[in-house]
């Protein structure tokens, strides 16, 4: 932490005017001198002790901020490198991938988060979903149980998209939930259609996510 020994400016009416040279400029000099240790690379720290956790410029990448712990620089996680590649999710019949919008998952390994993209439909002819039926759309081996939602009941319930409505005043939506299941142990993704049957009868899972 830097200490700034600023020149004190007396409140009006004792000091109504600020003298730029001796007061404002002098205080800017104090700021620059106080921040100097934080704008140097480790070889430049001659006679200066930088406390652990002090923030400074990362010499490895001047676009990042890093903390010098007395031995090495500790920079932030590169957001480009925390994501694994998109993986196709194995689907359970009679549900299939929506053509051109296959269901995929991607893992953010830094924050232990999974994000989905794509959609599913009921068999090759995209039949209307039974609104009284819940469909587990993933196979037993699609997602291991260690990736289940990280809450007390290992469950995450979210609203999902659905195909367009076909009549004025109609409604089409879906409920999507992710939960840990047994026999066999797995993380299951299930869907349930809400509202009226829509054109094409598909359910979209774009943006569905959970922390594991």
Protein backbone atom coordinates (compact mmCIF):
# COMPACT_ATOMS: atom_id res chain seq x y z
CA UNK A 1 0.00 0.00 0.00
CA UNK A 2 1.34 3.44 -0.91
CA UNK A 3 1.41 6.38 1.52
CA UNK A 4 0.70 9.84 0.13
CA UNK A 5 1.93 12.80 2.21
CA UNK A 6 -0.27 15.39 0.52
CA UNK A 7 0.03 19.10 1.12
CA UNK A 8 -2.93 20.09 3.22
CA UNK A 9 -5.23 22.71 1.71
CA UNK A 10 -7.11 24.75 4.31
CA UNK A 11 -10.85 24.92 3.87
CA UNK A 12 -12.46 28.27 3.01
CA UNK A 13 -12.69 30.97 4.21
CA UNK A 14 -9.12 30.65 5.58
CA UNK A 15 -7.81 29.59 2.18
CA UNK A 16 -10.31 30.51 -0.52
CA UNK A 17 -7.92 30.18 -3.46
CA UNK A 18 -5.81 27.15 -4.43
CA UNK A 19 -2.24 27.90 -5.47
CA UNK A 20 -1.61 25.60 -8.45
CA UNK A 21 2.18 25.47 -8.26
CA UNK A 22 2.74 24.88 -4.55
CA UNK A 23 -0.45 22.95 -3.79
CA UNK A 24 -1.94 21.06 -6.77
CA UNK A 25 1.27 20.41 -8.70
CA UNK A 26 3.11 19.50 -5.53
CA UNK A 27 0.44 16.94 -4.67
CA UNK A 28 0.70 15.39 -8.14
CA UNK A 29 4.43 15.01 -7.51
CA UNK A 30 3.60 13.20 -4.27
CA UNK A 31 1.27 10.83 -6.17
CA UNK A 32 3.90 10.04 -8.82
CA UNK A 33 6.59 9.43 -6.21
CA UNK A 34 4.27 7.21 -4.14
CA UNK A 35 3.30 5.09 -7.16
CA UNK A 36 6.83 4.76 -8.55
CA UNK A 37 7.55 1.39 -6.84
CA UNK A 38 4.42 -0.07 -8.38
CA UNK A 39 5.41 0.85 -11.95
CA UNK A 40 8.77 -0.91 -12.00
CA UNK A 41 9.85 -4.41 -12.88
CA UNK A 42 11.53 -6.59 -10.21
CA UNK A 43 15.15 -5.82 -11.38
CA UNK A 44 14.43 -2.13 -10.82
CA UNK A 45 13.45 -2.55 -7.17
CA UNK A 46 16.78 -1.27 -5.85
CA UNK A 47 16.52 -0.69 -2.14
CA UNK A 48 12.72 -0.97 -2.26
CA UNK A 49 10.72 -3.65 -0.48
CA UNK A 50 7.47 -4.44 -2.28
CA UNK A 51 4.90 -5.92 0.12
CA UNK A 52 3.23 -9.20 -0.81
CA UNK A 53 0.06 -8.66 -2.78
CA UNK A 54 1.07 -5.28 -4.19
CA UNK A 55 -0.34 -4.72 -7.65
CA UNK A 56 2.02 -3.65 -10.42
CA UNK A 57 2.56 -3.99 -14.14
CA UNK A 58 3.18 -7.53 -15.28
CA UNK A 59 6.48 -7.55 -17.24
CA UNK A 60 5.42 -10.73 -19.02
CA UNK A 61 2.45 -9.01 -20.60
CA UNK A 62 2.05 -5.26 -20.27
CA UNK A 63 -1.66 -5.57 -21.00
CA UNK A 64 -2.24 -7.49 -17.76
CA UNK A 65 -2.03 -6.64 -14.08
CA UNK A 66 -0.10 -8.97 -11.78
CA UNK A 67 0.88 -9.22 -8.12
CA UNK A 68 4.53 -9.58 -7.09
CA UNK A 69 4.75 -11.89 -4.06
CA UNK A 70 8.43 -11.36 -3.44
CA UNK A 71 9.49 -14.24 -5.64
CA UNK A 72 7.48 -14.20 -8.82
CA UNK A 73 4.65 -12.46 -10.66
CA UNK A 74 1.14 -13.85 -10.24
CA UNK A 75 -1.08 -12.72 -13.09
CA UNK A 76 -4.78 -13.17 -13.76
CA UNK A 77 -6.09 -16.23 -15.56
CA UNK A 78 -6.21 -15.66 -19.31
CA UNK A 79 -9.93 -15.83 -20.17
CA UNK A 80 -9.04 -17.30 -23.55
CA UNK A 81 -7.44 -20.35 -21.95
CA UNK A 82 -10.01 -21.23 -19.29
CA UNK A 83 -12.53 -22.69 -21.74
CA UNK A 84 -12.28 -26.22 -23.03
CA UNK A 85 -13.46 -27.01 -26.56
CA UNK A 86 -17.13 -27.50 -27.39
CA UNK A 87 -18.09 -31.15 -27.01
CA UNK A 88 -21.07 -32.84 -28.68
CA UNK A 89 -23.50 -34.14 -26.03
CA UNK A 90 -24.75 -37.72 -26.50
CA UNK A 91 -28.56 -37.76 -26.76
CA UNK A 92 -31.08 -40.36 -25.55
CA UNK A 93 -33.68 -41.71 -28.00
CA UNK A 94 -36.32 -40.84 -29.05
CA UNK A 95 -34.87 -37.33 -28.66
CA UNK A 96 -32.30 -36.31 -31.29
CA UNK A 97 -30.11 -33.29 -32.00
CA UNK A 98 -31.88 -30.51 -33.84
CA UNK A 99 -30.32 -30.55 -37.34
CA UNK A 100 -27.89 -27.68 -37.75
CA UNK A 101 -28.08 -26.87 -34.01
CA UNK A 102 -26.52 -29.93 -32.35
CA UNK A 103 -26.44 -29.83 -28.55
CA UNK A 104 -22.93 -29.11 -27.29
CA UNK A 105 -21.33 -28.36 -23.91
CA UNK A 106 -18.29 -26.32 -22.95
CA UNK A 107 -16.49 -26.21 -19.58
CA UNK A 108 -14.99 -23.14 -17.93
CA UNK A 109 -12.31 -24.88 -15.86
CA UNK A 110 -11.42 -21.75 -13.85
CA UNK A 111 -14.86 -21.10 -12.38
CA UNK A 112 -16.12 -24.71 -12.69
CA UNK A 113 -18.96 -23.74 -14.99
CA UNK A 114 -20.65 -25.59 -17.87
CA UNK A 115 -22.47 -23.80 -20.69
CA UNK A 116 -24.70 -25.40 -23.33
CA UNK A 117 -25.56 -24.45 -26.88
CA UNK A 118 -27.85 -26.03 -29.46
CA UNK A 119 -31.19 -27.76 -29.38
CA UNK A 120 -33.09 -31.04 -29.51
CA UNK A 121 -36.27 -32.35 -31.09
CA UNK A 122 -38.51 -35.38 -30.65
CA UNK A 123 -37.42 -37.93 -33.27
CA UNK A 124 -36.56 -37.23 -36.90
CA UNK A 125 -40.00 -35.85 -37.74
CA UNK A 126 -39.95 -33.30 -34.89
CA UNK A 127 -43.24 -34.49 -33.42
CA UNK A 128 -45.05 -32.42 -30.79
CA UNK A 129 -43.71 -32.91 -27.27
CA UNK A 130 -46.06 -34.43 -24.70
CA UNK A 131 -46.63 -31.63 -22.18
CA UNK A 132 -47.30 -34.22 -19.46
CA UNK A 133 -43.97 -36.00 -20.00
CA UNK A 134 -40.46 -35.14 -18.87
CA UNK A 135 -37.73 -36.29 -21.23
CA UNK A 136 -34.22 -37.11 -20.04
CA UNK A 137 -32.34 -36.12 -23.17
CA UNK A 138 -28.79 -37.21 -22.26
CA UNK A 139 -27.49 -40.76 -22.26
CA UNK A 140 -26.18 -42.46 -19.11
CA UNK A 141 -22.57 -41.75 -20.09
CA UNK A 142 -22.96 -38.28 -21.60
CA UNK A 143 -22.04 -36.28 -18.47
CA UNK A 144 -20.37 -37.80 -15.40
CA UNK A 145 -21.88 -37.25 -11.96
CA UNK A 146 -18.88 -35.16 -10.83
CA UNK A 147 -20.17 -32.39 -13.09
CA UNK A 148 -23.55 -32.15 -11.35
CA UNK A 149 -24.69 -28.72 -10.10
CA UNK A 150 -22.81 -27.65 -6.98
CA UNK A 151 -25.72 -27.07 -4.61
CA UNK A 152 -27.25 -29.09 -1.79
CA UNK A 153 -29.59 -31.14 -3.98
CA UNK A 154 -27.31 -31.24 -7.06
CA UNK A 155 -30.08 -29.72 -9.18
CA UNK A 156 -30.42 -26.64 -11.39
CA UNK A 157 -33.77 -25.67 -12.98
CA UNK A 158 -33.91 -23.11 -15.79
CA UNK A 159 -36.25 -21.78 -18.45
CA UNK A 160 -35.46 -22.72 -22.02
CA UNK A 161 -36.39 -21.62 -25.51
CA UNK A 162 -38.75 -23.47 -27.85
CA UNK A 163 -39.94 -23.43 -31.44
CA UNK A 164 -42.12 -20.62 -32.75
CA UNK A 165 -45.82 -20.56 -31.96
CA UNK A 166 -48.21 -21.27 -34.82
CA UNK A 167 -51.28 -19.29 -33.81
CA UNK A 168 -51.97 -15.77 -32.57
CA UNK A 169 -51.98 -15.63 -28.78
CA UNK A 170 -50.14 -18.93 -28.50
CA UNK A 171 -47.34 -19.74 -26.09
CA UNK A 172 -44.34 -22.05 -26.36
CA UNK A 173 -41.53 -22.52 -23.85
CA UNK A 174 -39.70 -25.24 -21.96
CA UNK A 175 -38.29 -26.12 -18.56
CA UNK A 176 -34.77 -27.52 -18.46
CA UNK A 177 -33.17 -29.05 -15.40
CA UNK A 178 -29.83 -30.60 -14.64
CA UNK A 179 -29.54 -33.06 -11.78
CA UNK A 180 -27.36 -35.79 -10.33
CA UNK A 181 -28.92 -39.24 -10.72
CA UNK A 182 -28.03 -42.76 -9.63
CA UNK A 183 -28.19 -46.24 -11.18
CA UNK A 184 -26.06 -45.52 -13.02
CA UNK A 185 -24.39 -42.46 -11.50
CA UNK A 186 -24.63 -39.58 -13.95
CA UNK A 187 -25.53 -35.94 -14.47
CA UNK A 188 -28.79 -35.88 -16.39
CA UNK A 189 -30.30 -33.10 -18.50
CA UNK A 190 -34.08 -33.26 -18.81
CA UNK A 191 -36.62 -31.09 -20.64
CA UNK A 192 -40.33 -30.56 -20.55
CA UNK A 193 -42.40 -28.66 -23.09
CA UNK A 194 -44.72 -25.88 -21.95
CA UNK A 195 -47.55 -24.27 -23.86
CA UNK A 196 -48.84 -24.91 -27.36
CA UNK A 197 -47.19 -27.09 -29.99
CA UNK A 198 -44.99 -24.99 -32.23
CA UNK A 199 -43.73 -25.16 -35.77
CA UNK A 200 -40.88 -27.64 -35.97
CA UNK A 201 -41.29 -28.60 -32.30
CA UNK A 202 -37.78 -28.11 -31.00
CA UNK A 203 -36.32 -27.06 -27.65
CA UNK A 204 -33.26 -24.80 -27.49
CA UNK A 205 -30.71 -24.95 -24.66
CA UNK A 206 -28.56 -21.99 -25.73
CA UNK A 207 -27.13 -20.25 -22.68
CA UNK A 208 -28.22 -22.89 -20.16
CA UNK A 209 -25.41 -23.09 -17.60
CA UNK A 210 -24.56 -24.35 -14.16
CA UNK A 211 -21.63 -24.45 -11.71
CA UNK A 212 -20.33 -27.85 -10.68
